[in-house]
Amino acid sequence: MVTEQPSLRPRKPPVPFEQGLTRHWLGGAAVPTHIANAVNLLFPAGERFFVRSVARYADRIDDPALRAQMKAFFGQESHHAKAHERFFELLRGQGYAIDGFLRAYEKVAYDGIERLCSHELRLSVTAALEHYTAILAEDALQGGTLDLAHPTARALLLWHAAEEIEHKTVAFDVLKTVNPSYALRLLGFAVATITLSMFWLAALLVLLVQEIPRRDEPGERLPFHRPRSIVKGVFLRGIREYVRRDFHPSQNDNLHLARAYLAGIGAA
């Protein structure tokens, strides 16, 4: 199958973080805000893992087009990681204790699980997680989930989403070149699904617990906005698509969403 290969280039985030961020920046509601904050906590270390996993096989890729895409992929993911670490500073400034979780997450995920996996399995996990991030990105760009978001968070997440869609095929194509085994692809997908859901839920609980008012502090009644189902919209969709033997990320026709957004901010 011939797939379209978009021209990739790293871009700096189009948002001045000095503008700050409201505490419940997604529709004024704690739960949807922290569902998004929780996955944001996973991004910087996760994206550096993606780069390590793909870069390991740079010398195995002969296709010049894919090599160029890999180089741009590394640049984009590096910018994403740095931008989300600046986002962490905004959360700390709002009083959220996130550093204990971040230390535990990195110790378990990267000092532990990553070291137990072979290099090929790490690449397979990366390809699977890139599929999940592309689904999240598509929803952000067309699903309206960020319509009520604070401008700072919305700009950061939509920029990130557009670039995730742009490079959604890179890790998968490297995996197919290195080892096209369907069993390896499924094993990596299983590890990715379990770890993403586990760490996302753990981060969410860490944040939500901090919304419980102390006995000597008045509690703020916050509006509750029912979030879209992460289980159905992300995980079940991701599983249904990825387990097909003939699956390729380019089969999800969403590249036009990224291009339209990037053109709209003058970054196409």
C-alpha atoms as a PDB file:
ATOM      1  CA  MET A   1       0.000   0.000   0.000  1.00  0.00           C
ATOM      2  CA  VAL A   2       1.352   3.423  -0.959  1.00  0.00           C
ATOM      3  CA  THR A   3       0.855   5.871   1.897  1.00  0.00           C
ATOM      4  CA  GLU A   4       1.094   9.630   1.866  1.00  0.00           C
ATOM      5  CA  GLN A   5       4.211  10.921   3.581  1.00  0.00           C
ATOM      6  CA  PRO A   6       3.638  14.453   4.899  1.00  0.00           C
ATOM      7  CA  SER A   7       6.569  16.821   5.036  1.00  0.00           C
ATOM      8  CA  LEU A   8       7.487  17.073   8.713  1.00  0.00           C
ATOM      9  CA  ARG A   9       9.336  19.814  10.537  1.00  0.00           C
ATOM     10  CA  PRO A  10       9.744  20.638  14.226  1.00  0.00           C
ATOM     11  CA  ARG A  11       7.936  23.776  15.412  1.00  0.00           C
ATOM     12  CA  LYS A  12       8.131  25.658  18.676  1.00  0.00           C
ATOM     13  CA  PRO A  13       4.875  25.885  20.669  1.00  0.00           C
ATOM     14  CA  PRO A  14       2.705  28.815  19.535  1.00  0.00           C
ATOM     15  CA  VAL A  15       1.803  29.953  23.043  1.00  0.00           C
ATOM     16  CA  PRO A  16       3.389  32.248  25.659  1.00  0.00           C
ATOM     17  CA  PHE A  17       3.134  30.275  28.884  1.00  0.00           C
ATOM     18  CA  GLU A  18       3.517  33.464  30.869  1.00  0.00           C
ATOM     19  CA  GLN A  19      -0.201  34.065  30.220  1.00  0.00           C
ATOM     20  CA  GLY A  20      -0.900  31.564  32.967  1.00  0.00           C
ATOM     21  CA  LEU A  21      -3.625  29.007  33.301  1.00  0.00           C
ATOM     22  CA  THR A  22      -6.841  28.836  35.306  1.00  0.00           C
ATOM     23  CA  ARG A  23      -6.995  26.041  37.871  1.00  0.00           C
ATOM     24  CA  HIS A  24      -9.896  24.237  36.183  1.00  0.00           C
ATOM     25  CA  TRP A  25      -9.028  25.241  32.654  1.00  0.00           C
ATOM     26  CA  LEU A  26     -11.386  22.900  30.805  1.00  0.00           C
ATOM     27  CA  GLY A  27     -14.894  24.295  31.088  1.00  0.00           C
ATOM     28  CA  GLY A  28     -14.358  25.311  34.715  1.00  0.00           C
ATOM     29  CA  ALA A  29     -14.739  21.665  35.769  1.00  0.00           C
ATOM     30  CA  ALA A  30     -12.269  19.658  37.838  1.00  0.00           C
ATOM     31  CA  VAL A  31     -12.790  16.158  36.409  1.00  0.00           C
ATOM     32  CA  PRO A  32     -12.382  16.909  32.673  1.00  0.00           C
ATOM     33  CA  THR A  33      -9.466  19.220  33.462  1.00  0.00           C
ATOM     34  CA  HIS A  34      -7.661  16.510  35.393  1.00  0.00           C
ATOM     35  CA  ILE A  35      -8.346  13.824  32.795  1.00  0.00           C
ATOM     36  CA  ALA A  36      -6.377  16.054  30.417  1.00  0.00           C
ATOM     37  CA  ASN A  37      -3.795  17.076  33.044  1.00  0.00           C
ATOM     38  CA  ALA A  38      -3.201  13.431  33.912  1.00  0.00           C
ATOM     39  CA  VAL A  39      -2.232  12.375  30.392  1.00  0.00           C
ATOM     40  CA  ASN A  40      -0.158  15.555  30.070  1.00  0.00           C
ATOM     41  CA  LEU A  41       1.928  14.367  33.024  1.00  0.00           C
ATOM     42  CA  LEU A  42       2.895  11.286  31.017  1.00  0.00           C
ATOM     43  CA  PHE A  43       4.028  13.117  27.894  1.00  0.00           C
ATOM     44  CA  PRO A  44       7.600  14.394  28.461  1.00  0.00           C
ATOM     45  CA  ALA A  45       9.129  11.134  29.703  1.00  0.00           C
ATOM     46  CA  GLY A  46       6.981   9.175  27.263  1.00  0.00           C
ATOM     47  CA  GLU A  47       8.088  11.199  24.262  1.00  0.00           C
ATOM     48  CA  ARG A  48      11.744  10.815  25.189  1.00  0.00           C
ATOM     49  CA  PHE A  49      11.119   7.071  25.354  1.00  0.00           C
ATOM     50  CA  PHE A  50       9.632   7.238  21.849  1.00  0.00           C
ATOM     51  CA  VAL A  51      12.752   8.979  20.560  1.00  0.00           C
ATOM     52  CA  ARG A  52      15.079   6.437  22.207  1.00  0.00           C
ATOM     53  CA  SER A  53      13.103   3.518  20.837  1.00  0.00           C
ATOM     54  CA  VAL A  54      13.042   4.763  17.243  1.00  0.00           C
ATOM     55  CA  ALA A  55      16.581   6.205  17.211  1.00  0.00           C
ATOM     56  CA  ARG A  56      17.958   2.789  18.165  1.00  0.00           C
ATOM     57  CA  TYR A  57      17.201   1.643  14.620  1.00  0.00           C
ATOM     58  CA  ALA A  58      18.338   4.698  12.667  1.00  0.00           C
ATOM     59  CA  ASP A  59      21.143   2.720  11.019  1.00  0.00           C
ATOM     60  CA  ARG A  60      18.701   0.027   9.859  1.00  0.00           C
ATOM     61  CA  ILE A  61      16.617   2.407   7.730  1.00  0.00           C
ATOM     62  CA  ASP A  62      17.762   2.792   4.132  1.00  0.00           C
ATOM     63  CA  ASP A  63      14.721   4.634   2.760  1.00  0.00           C
ATOM     64  CA  PRO A  64      15.780   8.325   2.586  1.00  0.00           C
ATOM     65  CA  ALA A  65      12.187   9.550   2.945  1.00  0.00           C
ATOM     66  CA  LEU A  66      11.658   7.560   6.145  1.00  0.00           C
ATOM     67  CA  ARG A  67      15.061   8.651   7.474  1.00  0.00           C
ATOM     68  CA  ALA A  68      14.060  12.287   6.942  1.00  0.00           C
ATOM     69  CA  GLN A  69      10.767  11.670   8.713  1.00  0.00           C
ATOM     70  CA  MET A  70      12.579  10.072  11.632  1.00  0.00           C
ATOM     71  CA  LYS A  71      14.816  13.126  12.021  1.00  0.00           C
ATOM     72  CA  ALA A  72      11.800  15.450  12.064  1.00  0.00           C
ATOM     73  CA  PHE A  73       9.984  13.088  14.440  1.00  0.00           C
ATOM     74  CA  PHE A  74      12.858  13.415  16.913  1.00  0.00           C
ATOM     75  CA  GLY A  75      12.694  17.204  16.696  1.00  0.00           C
ATOM     76  CA  GLN A  76       8.927  17.379  17.112  1.00  0.00           C
ATOM     77  CA  GLU A  77       8.895  15.042  20.109  1.00  0.00           C
ATOM     78  CA  SER A  78      11.721  16.981  21.745  1.00  0.00           C
ATOM     79  CA  HIS A  79       9.730  20.215  21.457  1.00  0.00           C
ATOM     80  CA  HIS A  80       6.632  18.481  22.854  1.00  0.00           C
ATOM     81  CA  ALA A  81       8.505  17.178  25.895  1.00  0.00           C
ATOM     82  CA  LYS A  82       9.969  20.590  26.723  1.00  0.00           C
ATOM     83  CA  ALA A  83       6.634  22.364  26.262  1.00  0.00           C
ATOM     84  CA  HIS A  84       4.799  19.999  28.585  1.00  0.00           C
ATOM     85  CA  GLU A  85       7.481  20.414  31.232  1.00  0.00           C
ATOM     86  CA  ARG A  86       6.735  24.146  31.120  1.00  0.00           C
ATOM     87  CA  PHE A  87       3.079  23.187  31.520  1.00  0.00           C
ATOM     88  CA  PHE A  88       4.127  21.347  34.692  1.00  0.00           C
ATOM     89  CA  GLU A  89       5.374  24.645  36.113  1.00  0.00           C
ATOM     90  CA  LEU A  90       1.903  26.117  35.691  1.00  0.00           C
ATOM     91  CA  LEU A  91       0.388  23.175  37.581  1.00  0.00           C
ATOM     92  CA  ARG A  92       2.935  23.544  40.377  1.00  0.00           C
ATOM     93  CA  GLY A  93       2.124  27.230  40.548  1.00  0.00           C
ATOM     94  CA  GLN A  94      -1.528  26.335  41.110  1.00  0.00           C
ATOM     95  CA  GLY A  95      -0.506  24.248  44.124  1.00  0.00           C
ATOM     96  CA  TYR A  96      -0.682  20.751  42.656  1.00  0.00           C
ATOM     97  CA  ALA A  97       1.857  18.284  44.061  1.00  0.00           C
ATOM     98  CA  ILE A  98       2.972  16.352  40.974  1.00  0.00           C
ATOM     99  CA  ASP A  99       6.654  15.633  41.542  1.00  0.00           C
ATOM    100  CA  GLY A 100       6.166  12.541  43.672  1.00  0.00           C
ATOM    101  CA  PHE A 101       3.995  10.998  40.972  1.00  0.00           C
ATOM    102  CA  LEU A 102       6.461  11.958  38.237  1.00  0.00           C
ATOM    103  CA  ARG A 103       9.346  10.310  40.092  1.00  0.00           C
ATOM    104  CA  ALA A 104       7.373   7.115  40.690  1.00  0.00           C
ATOM    105  CA  TYR A 105       6.091   7.018  37.106  1.00  0.00           C
ATOM    106  CA  GLU A 106       9.558   7.387  35.596  1.00  0.00           C
ATOM    107  CA  LYS A 107      11.060   4.839  37.988  1.00  0.00           C
ATOM    108  CA  VAL A 108       8.436   2.183  37.253  1.00  0.00           C
ATOM    109  CA  ALA A 109       7.973   2.861  33.542  1.00  0.00           C
ATOM    110  CA  TYR A 110      11.498   3.638  32.377  1.00  0.00           C
ATOM    111  CA  ASP A 111      13.890   2.369  35.049  1.00  0.00           C
ATOM    112  CA  GLY A 112      11.741  -0.764  35.341  1.00  0.00           C
ATOM    113  CA  ILE A 113       9.437  -1.781  32.487  1.00  0.00           C
ATOM    114  CA  GLU A 114      11.574  -0.320  29.698  1.00  0.00           C
ATOM    115  CA  ARG A 115      14.680  -2.159  30.872  1.00  0.00           C
ATOM    116  CA  LEU A 116      12.788  -5.460  30.963  1.00  0.00           C
ATOM    117  CA  CYS A 117      11.718  -5.108  27.320  1.00  0.00           C
ATOM    118  CA  SER A 118      13.818  -5.963  24.303  1.00  0.00           C
ATOM    119  CA  HIS A 119      14.675  -3.124  21.929  1.00  0.00           C
ATOM    120  CA  GLU A 120      12.222  -4.471  19.340  1.00  0.00           C
ATOM    121  CA  LEU A 121       9.458  -4.636  21.930  1.00  0.00           C
ATOM    122  CA  ARG A 122      10.179  -1.024  22.968  1.00  0.00           C
ATOM    123  CA  LEU A 123       9.791  -0.001  19.332  1.00  0.00           C
ATOM    124  CA  SER A 124       6.535  -1.959  19.097  1.00  0.00           C
ATOM    125  CA  VAL A 125       5.216  -0.269  22.251  1.00  0.00           C
ATOM    126  CA  THR A 126       6.146   3.105  20.780  1.00  0.00           C
ATOM    127  CA  ALA A 127       4.268   2.398  17.536  1.00  0.00           C
ATOM    128  CA  ALA A 128       1.191   1.403  19.548  1.00  0.00           C
ATOM    129  CA  LEU A 129       1.314   4.457  21.802  1.00  0.00           C
ATOM    130  CA  GLU A 130       1.683   6.686  18.755  1.00  0.00           C
ATOM    131  CA  HIS A 131      -1.574   5.155  17.494  1.00  0.00           C
ATOM    132  CA  TYR A 132      -3.300   6.134  20.739  1.00  0.00           C
ATOM    133  CA  THR A 133      -1.894   9.673  20.656  1.00  0.00           C
ATOM    134  CA  ALA A 134      -3.106  10.079  17.067  1.00  0.00           C
ATOM    135  CA  ILE A 135      -6.622   9.111  18.173  1.00  0.00           C
ATOM    136  CA  LEU A 136      -6.462  11.645  21.005  1.00  0.00           C
ATOM    137  CA  ALA A 137      -5.162  14.229  18.560  1.00  0.00           C
ATOM    138  CA  GLU A 138      -7.961  13.615  16.084  1.00  0.00           C
ATOM    139  CA  ASP A 139     -10.546  14.051  18.824  1.00  0.00           C
ATOM    140  CA  ALA A 140      -8.904  17.270  20.005  1.00  0.00           C
ATOM    141  CA  LEU A 141      -8.914  18.763  16.510  1.00  0.00           C
ATOM    142  CA  GLN A 142     -12.418  17.806  15.452  1.00  0.00           C
ATOM    143  CA  GLY A 143     -14.330  16.532  18.471  1.00  0.00           C
ATOM    144  CA  GLY A 144     -14.802  19.867  20.228  1.00  0.00           C
ATOM    145  CA  THR A 145     -13.303  18.567  23.479  1.00  0.00           C
ATOM    146  CA  LEU A 146     -11.144  21.691  23.824  1.00  0.00           C
ATOM    147  CA  ASP A 147     -13.742  24.278  22.821  1.00  0.00           C
ATOM    148  CA  LEU A 148     -14.133  25.417  26.447  1.00  0.00           C
ATOM    149  CA  ALA A 149     -10.433  25.219  27.294  1.00  0.00           C
ATOM    150  CA  HIS A 150      -8.325  28.119  28.518  1.00  0.00           C
ATOM    151  CA  PRO A 151      -6.497  29.648  25.500  1.00  0.00           C
ATOM    152  CA  THR A 152      -3.045  28.686  26.803  1.00  0.00           C
ATOM    153  CA  ALA A 153      -3.917  25.010  27.242  1.00  0.00           C
ATOM    154  CA  ARG A 154      -5.931  24.902  24.032  1.00  0.00           C
ATOM    155  CA  ALA A 155      -3.067  26.316  21.947  1.00  0.00           C
ATOM    156  CA  LEU A 156      -0.544  23.922  23.476  1.00  0.00           C
ATOM    157  CA  LEU A 157      -2.701  20.835  23.020  1.00  0.00           C
ATOM    158  CA  LEU A 158      -3.869  21.612  19.489  1.00  0.00           C
ATOM    159  CA  TRP A 159      -0.303  22.315  18.332  1.00  0.00           C
ATOM    160  CA  HIS A 160       0.767  19.023  19.894  1.00  0.00           C
ATOM    161  CA  ALA A 161      -2.211  17.209  18.360  1.00  0.00           C
ATOM    162  CA  ALA A 162      -1.466  18.463  14.849  1.00  0.00           C
ATOM    163  CA  GLU A 163       2.122  17.274  14.993  1.00  0.00           C
ATOM    164  CA  GLU A 164       1.111  13.909  16.454  1.00  0.00           C
ATOM    165  CA  ILE A 165      -1.095  13.330  13.423  1.00  0.00           C
ATOM    166  CA  GLU A 166       1.691  14.497  11.095  1.00  0.00           C
ATOM    167  CA  HIS A 167       4.169  11.913  12.372  1.00  0.00           C
ATOM    168  CA  LYS A 168       1.721   9.131  13.278  1.00  0.00           C
ATOM    169  CA  THR A 169       3.206   6.673  10.754  1.00  0.00           C
ATOM    170  CA  VAL A 170       6.909   7.047  11.580  1.00  0.00           C
ATOM    171  CA  ALA A 171       7.360   4.561  14.439  1.00  0.00           C
ATOM    172  CA  PHE A 172       4.996   2.089  12.767  1.00  0.00           C
ATOM    173  CA  ASP A 173       6.948   2.217   9.496  1.00  0.00           C
ATOM    174  CA  VAL A 174      10.249   1.758  11.318  1.00  0.00           C
ATOM    175  CA  LEU A 175       8.780  -1.251  13.138  1.00  0.00           C
ATOM    176  CA  LYS A 176       7.594  -2.778   9.852  1.00  0.00           C
ATOM    177  CA  THR A 177      11.094  -2.362   8.432  1.00  0.00           C
ATOM    178  CA  VAL A 178      12.873  -3.761  11.482  1.00  0.00           C
ATOM    179  CA  ASN A 179      10.512  -6.630  12.265  1.00  0.00           C
ATOM    180  CA  PRO A 180       7.076  -6.900  10.606  1.00  0.00           C
ATOM    181  CA  SER A 181       5.962  -9.707  12.943  1.00  0.00           C
ATOM    182  CA  TYR A 182       2.247  -9.469  13.731  1.00  0.00           C
ATOM    183  CA  ALA A 183       2.870 -11.208  17.078  1.00  0.00           C
ATOM    184  CA  LEU A 184       5.447  -8.548  18.013  1.00  0.00           C
ATOM    185  CA  ARG A 185       3.028  -5.793  17.025  1.00  0.00           C
ATOM    186  CA  LEU A 186       0.275  -7.277  19.217  1.00  0.00           C
ATOM    187  CA  LEU A 187       2.601  -7.837  22.170  1.00  0.00           C
ATOM    188  CA  GLY A 188       3.755  -4.232  22.013  1.00  0.00           C
ATOM    189  CA  PHE A 189       0.162  -3.094  21.752  1.00  0.00           C
ATOM    190  CA  ALA A 190      -0.814  -5.107  24.834  1.00  0.00           C
ATOM    191  CA  VAL A 191       2.044  -3.597  26.863  1.00  0.00           C
ATOM    192  CA  ALA A 192       1.178  -0.111  25.596  1.00  0.00           C
ATOM    193  CA  THR A 193      -2.523  -0.459  26.428  1.00  0.00           C
ATOM    194  CA  ILE A 194      -1.924  -1.773  29.938  1.00  0.00           C
ATOM    195  CA  THR A 195       0.734   0.761  30.859  1.00  0.00           C
ATOM    196  CA  LEU A 196      -1.035   3.773  29.345  1.00  0.00           C
ATOM    197  CA  SER A 197      -4.308   2.995  31.119  1.00  0.00           C
ATOM    198  CA  MET A 198      -2.522   2.219  34.408  1.00  0.00           C
ATOM    199  CA  PHE A 199      -0.394   5.369  34.515  1.00  0.00           C
ATOM    200  CA  TRP A 200      -3.158   7.633  33.200  1.00  0.00           C
ATOM    201  CA  LEU A 201      -5.531   6.419  35.921  1.00  0.00           C
ATOM    202  CA  ALA A 202      -2.851   6.758  38.606  1.00  0.00           C
ATOM    203  CA  ALA A 203      -2.087  10.336  37.542  1.00  0.00           C
ATOM    204  CA  LEU A 204      -5.791  11.182  37.501  1.00  0.00           C
ATOM    205  CA  LEU A 205      -6.278   9.880  41.031  1.00  0.00           C
ATOM    206  CA  VAL A 206      -3.243  11.828  42.281  1.00  0.00           C
ATOM    207  CA  LEU A 207      -4.757  15.039  40.924  1.00  0.00           C
ATOM    208  CA  LEU A 208      -8.349  14.399  41.980  1.00  0.00           C
ATOM    209  CA  VAL A 209      -7.350  13.612  45.560  1.00  0.00           C
ATOM    210  CA  GLN A 210      -5.921  17.114  45.766  1.00  0.00           C
ATOM    211  CA  GLU A 211      -9.365  18.535  44.955  1.00  0.00           C
ATOM    212  CA  ILE A 212     -10.813  17.153  48.205  1.00  0.00           C
ATOM    213  CA  PRO A 213     -11.087  20.169  50.560  1.00  0.00           C
ATOM    214  CA  ARG A 214      -9.535  19.949  53.995  1.00  0.00           C
ATOM    215  CA  ARG A 215     -11.872  20.091  56.968  1.00  0.00           C
ATOM    216  CA  ASP A 216     -10.725  23.593  57.882  1.00  0.00           C
ATOM    217  CA  GLU A 217     -11.069  24.929  54.336  1.00  0.00           C
ATOM    218  CA  PRO A 218     -14.308  25.755  52.565  1.00  0.00           C
ATOM    219  CA  GLY A 219     -14.943  23.575  49.554  1.00  0.00           C
ATOM    220  CA  GLU A 220     -15.685  25.095  46.169  1.00  0.00           C
ATOM    221  CA  ARG A 221     -18.670  23.625  44.372  1.00  0.00           C
ATOM    222  CA  LEU A 222     -17.479  23.010  40.858  1.00  0.00           C
ATOM    223  CA  PRO A 223     -19.610  22.273  37.816  1.00  0.00           C
ATOM    224  CA  PHE A 224     -19.310  18.709  36.581  1.00  0.00           C
ATOM    225  CA  HIS A 225     -19.078  18.244  32.837  1.00  0.00           C
ATOM    226  CA  ARG A 226     -19.441  14.650  31.720  1.00  0.00           C
ATOM    227  CA  PRO A 227     -16.273  13.891  29.723  1.00  0.00           C
ATOM    228  CA  ARG A 228     -16.337  11.841  26.577  1.00  0.00           C
ATOM    229  CA  SER A 229     -15.717   8.196  27.305  1.00  0.00           C
ATOM    230  CA  ILE A 230     -11.973   7.565  27.238  1.00  0.00           C
ATOM    231  CA  VAL A 231     -12.598   3.824  27.313  1.00  0.00           C
ATOM    232  CA  LYS A 232     -14.850   3.859  24.255  1.00  0.00           C
ATOM    233  CA  GLY A 233     -13.419   6.766  22.317  1.00  0.00           C
ATOM    234  CA  VAL A 234      -9.732   5.977  22.785  1.00  0.00           C
ATOM    235  CA  PHE A 235      -9.055   2.460  24.030  1.00  0.00           C
ATOM    236  CA  LEU A 236     -11.816   0.443  22.361  1.00  0.00           C
ATOM    237  CA  ARG A 237     -11.389   2.298  19.091  1.00  0.00           C
ATOM    238  CA  GLY A 238      -7.636   1.878  19.288  1.00  0.00           C
ATOM    239  CA  ILE A 239      -7.905  -1.858  19.894  1.00  0.00           C
ATOM    240  CA  ARG A 240     -10.470  -2.378  17.132  1.00  0.00           C
ATOM    241  CA  GLU A 241      -8.223  -0.685  14.580  1.00  0.00           C
ATOM    242  CA  TYR A 242      -4.776  -1.847  15.631  1.00  0.00           C
ATOM    243  CA  VAL A 243      -5.466  -5.568  15.822  1.00  0.00           C
ATOM    244  CA  ARG A 244      -6.320  -5.768  12.114  1.00  0.00           C
ATOM    245  CA  ARG A 245      -3.509  -7.568  10.311  1.00  0.00           C
ATOM    246  CA  ASP A 246      -3.584  -5.049   7.455  1.00  0.00           C
ATOM    247  CA  PHE A 247      -3.693  -1.978   9.708  1.00  0.00           C
ATOM    248  CA  HIS A 248      -1.574   1.069   8.915  1.00  0.00           C
ATOM    249  CA  PRO A 249      -1.910   4.450  10.683  1.00  0.00           C
ATOM    250  CA  SER A 250      -2.469   6.220   7.369  1.00  0.00           C
ATOM    251  CA  GLN A 251      -5.825   4.415   7.055  1.00  0.00           C
ATOM    252  CA  ASN A 252      -7.246   6.955   9.520  1.00  0.00           C
ATOM    253  CA  ASP A 253      -7.957   9.910   7.243  1.00  0.00           C
ATOM    254  CA  ASN A 254      -7.147  12.770   9.587  1.00  0.00           C
ATOM    255  CA  LEU A 255      -4.051  14.407   8.125  1.00  0.00           C
ATOM    256  CA  HIS A 256      -6.229  17.192   6.723  1.00  0.00           C
ATOM    257  CA  LEU A 257      -7.164  18.174  10.297  1.00  0.00           C
ATOM    258  CA  ALA A 258      -3.529  18.757  11.177  1.00  0.00           C
ATOM    259  CA  ARG A 259      -2.857  20.670   7.990  1.00  0.00           C
ATOM    260  CA  ALA A 260      -5.887  22.906   8.443  1.00  0.00           C
ATOM    261  CA  TYR A 261      -4.969  23.771  12.025  1.00  0.00           C
ATOM    262  CA  LEU A 262      -1.304  24.426  11.239  1.00  0.00           C
ATOM    263  CA  ALA A 263      -2.288  26.595   8.248  1.00  0.00           C
ATOM    264  CA  GLY A 264      -4.650  28.516  10.521  1.00  0.00           C
ATOM    265  CA  ILE A 265      -1.825  29.460  12.890  1.00  0.00           C
ATOM    266  CA  GLY A 266       0.634  30.137  10.060  1.00  0.00           C
ATOM    267  CA  ALA A 267       2.729  27.045  10.780  1.00  0.00           C
ATOM    268  CA  ALA A 268       1.874  24.758   7.877  1.00  0.00           C
END
